[in-house]
Amino acid sequence: MGTGGRAAIDAAMTAELFSKLVRAGISFDSALEIVNSALLVNGIDESVSTLDVACIDLYTGETEFMKAGGAATFVRKKNKAAKLELAALPAGILRDVKFEKAYSPLSSGDIILMVSDELLTENDSWIISELINYTGDSAQEFADLIANEARIRKENVREDDVTVLCMILD
């Protein structure tokens, strides 16, 4: 997506528009198409934005992961953790953009960790290790732990380029 003010504006517009469309009852796929069109007609400069979605059925735990250019997502199920990577183009590049999707049943205590690409290093095994060893129950605490560790590992990362979202299923 880029860095700095322009990228922040594109990201905020993308997230807000996508969120409003989904809350209005538009499907995830249709909302992505609308956001993509909005980015394509921007006209000023190239506007590119990633979308990273986890849709959790709160009754069954069935989780659908959808990515349009998003960075890897990390998932801990029981005592095992894995990195989920789906190859997909971000919105704003081509007329036809589609989510790449994956599905996984999750249950109480499982963790979903979504991060921005600036947070990732050449060796992401430390994130897997942190996921496996985390014994707390605070999603915010764990997100802060990962963000702080990422800043230490990548000294040149700007504050506005580190995004971590953590969900712990209850």
Protein backbone atom coordinates (compact mmCIF):
# COMPACT_ATOMS: atom_id res chain seq x y z
CA MET A 1 0.00 0.00 0.00
CA GLY A 2 2.85 2.37 0.63
CA THR A 3 3.72 4.58 3.54
CA GLY A 4 2.94 8.03 4.82
CA GLY A 5 -0.04 10.33 4.52
CA ARG A 6 -1.30 9.31 1.07
CA ALA A 7 -1.32 5.62 1.96
CA ALA A 8 -3.09 6.42 5.24
CA ILE A 9 -5.83 8.32 3.39
CA ASP A 10 -6.33 5.48 0.89
CA ALA A 11 -6.41 2.91 3.69
CA ALA A 12 -8.92 4.89 5.75
CA MET A 13 -11.18 5.43 2.72
CA THR A 14 -10.98 1.77 1.76
CA ALA A 15 -11.72 0.50 5.26
CA GLU A 16 -14.58 2.94 5.85
CA LEU A 17 -16.26 2.34 2.48
CA PHE A 18 -15.87 -1.44 2.70
CA SER A 19 -17.21 -1.49 6.25
CA LYS A 20 -20.24 0.65 5.40
CA LEU A 21 -21.08 -1.51 2.39
CA VAL A 22 -20.88 -4.75 4.36
CA ARG A 23 -22.95 -3.32 7.24
CA ALA A 24 -25.57 -2.26 4.66
CA GLY A 25 -25.92 -5.89 3.58
CA ILE A 26 -23.68 -5.92 0.52
CA SER A 27 -21.73 -9.18 0.14
CA PHE A 28 -17.98 -9.12 0.80
CA ASP A 29 -17.25 -9.84 -2.87
CA SER A 30 -19.54 -7.08 -4.14
CA ALA A 31 -18.16 -4.62 -1.57
CA LEU A 32 -14.64 -5.38 -2.84
CA GLU A 33 -15.75 -4.67 -6.41
CA ILE A 34 -17.22 -1.30 -5.38
CA VAL A 35 -14.10 -0.33 -3.40
CA ASN A 36 -11.94 -1.37 -6.34
CA SER A 37 -13.98 0.86 -8.68
CA ALA A 38 -13.65 3.79 -6.29
CA LEU A 39 -9.88 3.39 -6.19
CA LEU A 40 -9.62 3.05 -9.97
CA VAL A 41 -11.55 6.28 -10.65
CA ASN A 42 -9.54 8.31 -8.13
CA GLY A 43 -7.70 9.94 -11.02
CA ILE A 44 -5.01 11.77 -9.03
CA ASP A 45 -2.39 9.10 -8.55
CA GLU A 46 -2.45 5.34 -8.41
CA SER A 47 -4.50 4.37 -5.37
CA VAL A 48 -3.85 0.85 -4.18
CA SER A 49 -5.24 -0.67 -1.03
CA THR A 50 -5.20 -4.08 0.55
CA LEU A 51 -8.15 -5.72 2.25
CA ASP A 52 -7.76 -8.46 4.82
CA VAL A 53 -10.99 -9.95 6.23
CA ALA A 54 -11.79 -12.67 8.76
CA CYS A 55 -15.50 -13.50 8.91
CA ILE A 56 -16.31 -15.65 11.94
CA ASP A 57 -19.58 -17.51 12.44
CA LEU A 58 -20.00 -16.99 16.17
CA TYR A 59 -22.21 -20.08 16.53
CA THR A 60 -20.09 -22.66 14.69
CA GLY A 61 -16.63 -21.08 14.78
CA GLU A 62 -16.31 -21.54 11.01
CA THR A 63 -14.01 -18.77 9.83
CA GLU A 64 -13.59 -17.49 6.30
CA PHE A 65 -10.37 -15.63 5.55
CA MET A 66 -10.47 -13.28 2.56
CA LYS A 67 -7.46 -11.43 1.21
CA ALA A 68 -7.02 -8.85 -1.51
CA GLY A 69 -3.30 -8.22 -1.28
CA GLY A 70 -3.15 -8.45 2.50
CA ALA A 71 -0.08 -9.61 4.40
CA ALA A 72 0.06 -13.02 6.03
CA THR A 73 -2.38 -13.88 8.79
CA PHE A 74 -1.33 -16.05 11.70
CA VAL A 75 -3.68 -18.50 13.38
CA ARG A 76 -3.32 -20.49 16.58
CA LYS A 77 -5.63 -23.48 16.90
CA LYS A 78 -5.31 -25.34 20.18
CA ASN A 79 -1.52 -25.48 20.73
CA LYS A 80 -0.46 -25.22 17.08
CA ALA A 81 0.15 -22.07 15.07
CA ALA A 82 0.47 -21.50 11.34
CA LYS A 83 0.99 -18.72 8.83
CA LEU A 84 -1.79 -18.24 6.28
CA GLU A 85 -0.68 -16.67 3.02
CA LEU A 86 -3.02 -16.20 0.08
CA ALA A 87 -1.75 -14.74 -3.18
CA ALA A 88 -4.12 -11.99 -4.28
CA LEU A 89 -3.77 -8.58 -5.86
CA PRO A 90 -4.78 -5.49 -3.87
CA ALA A 91 -7.71 -3.31 -4.90
CA GLY A 92 -7.05 -0.43 -7.27
CA ILE A 93 -4.73 -2.17 -9.73
CA LEU A 94 -6.98 -4.05 -12.17
CA ARG A 95 -10.65 -3.84 -13.12
CA ASP A 96 -11.37 -7.35 -11.90
CA VAL A 97 -10.16 -8.01 -8.39
CA LYS A 98 -11.18 -11.03 -6.37
CA PHE A 99 -10.62 -12.19 -2.83
CA GLU A 100 -8.48 -15.26 -2.33
CA LYS A 101 -10.23 -17.31 0.34
CA ALA A 102 -9.48 -19.97 2.93
CA TYR A 103 -11.67 -21.59 5.56
CA SER A 104 -10.96 -22.95 9.02
CA PRO A 105 -13.07 -24.06 11.96
CA LEU A 106 -11.98 -22.26 15.13
CA SER A 107 -13.00 -22.71 18.75
CA SER A 108 -12.70 -21.07 22.14
CA GLY A 109 -9.14 -19.92 22.92
CA ASP A 110 -7.99 -19.90 19.29
CA ILE A 111 -6.24 -16.75 18.11
CA ILE A 112 -6.28 -14.85 14.81
CA LEU A 113 -3.44 -12.37 14.29
CA MET A 114 -3.61 -10.04 11.29
CA VAL A 115 -0.64 -7.80 10.59
CA SER A 116 0.56 -5.22 8.11
CA ASP A 117 3.37 -6.20 5.77
CA GLU A 118 5.80 -3.73 7.36
CA LEU A 119 5.66 -5.81 10.50
CA LEU A 120 6.91 -8.95 8.77
CA THR A 121 10.58 -9.84 8.69
CA GLU A 122 12.54 -12.31 6.63
CA ASN A 123 12.04 -14.83 9.39
CA ASP A 124 8.54 -14.77 10.87
CA SER A 125 9.07 -17.80 13.08
CA TRP A 126 9.18 -15.50 16.11
CA ILE A 127 5.49 -14.68 15.55
CA ILE A 128 4.61 -18.38 15.46
CA SER A 129 6.62 -18.88 18.65
CA GLU A 130 4.86 -15.96 20.39
CA LEU A 131 1.47 -17.35 19.35
CA ILE A 132 2.23 -20.81 20.69
CA ASN A 133 3.63 -19.51 23.98
CA TYR A 134 1.04 -16.80 24.72
CA THR A 135 -0.93 -17.76 27.83
CA GLY A 136 -2.87 -14.55 28.42
CA ASP A 137 -6.44 -13.81 27.43
CA SER A 138 -6.16 -10.18 26.30
CA ALA A 139 -6.18 -9.59 22.55
CA GLN A 140 -4.98 -6.00 23.04
CA GLU A 141 -2.10 -7.10 25.24
CA PHE A 142 -0.99 -9.66 22.67
CA ALA A 143 -1.33 -7.20 19.75
CA ASP A 144 0.82 -4.68 21.67
CA LEU A 145 3.40 -7.36 22.42
CA ILE A 146 3.69 -8.30 18.72
CA ALA A 147 3.80 -4.66 17.55
CA ASN A 148 6.52 -3.75 20.06
CA GLU A 149 8.60 -6.79 19.20
CA ALA A 150 8.26 -5.98 15.48
CA ARG A 151 9.53 -2.43 16.07
CA ILE A 152 12.56 -3.83 17.90
CA ARG A 153 13.28 -6.33 15.12
CA LYS A 154 12.89 -3.75 12.33
CA GLU A 155 14.47 -0.55 13.57
CA ASN A 156 13.59 1.39 10.41
CA VAL A 157 9.82 0.78 10.71
CA ARG A 158 7.77 3.95 11.05
CA GLU A 159 5.15 4.06 13.79
CA ASP A 160 2.26 4.49 11.32
CA ASP A 161 3.36 1.44 9.32
CA VAL A 162 2.81 -1.13 12.07
CA THR A 163 -0.71 -2.50 12.33
CA VAL A 164 -1.63 -5.53 14.40
CA LEU A 165 -5.13 -6.85 14.94
CA CYS A 166 -5.66 -9.74 17.33
CA MET A 167 -8.81 -11.73 18.01
CA ILE A 168 -9.09 -14.37 20.70
CA LEU A 169 -12.22 -16.47 20.41
CA ASP A 170 -14.14 -16.81 23.62
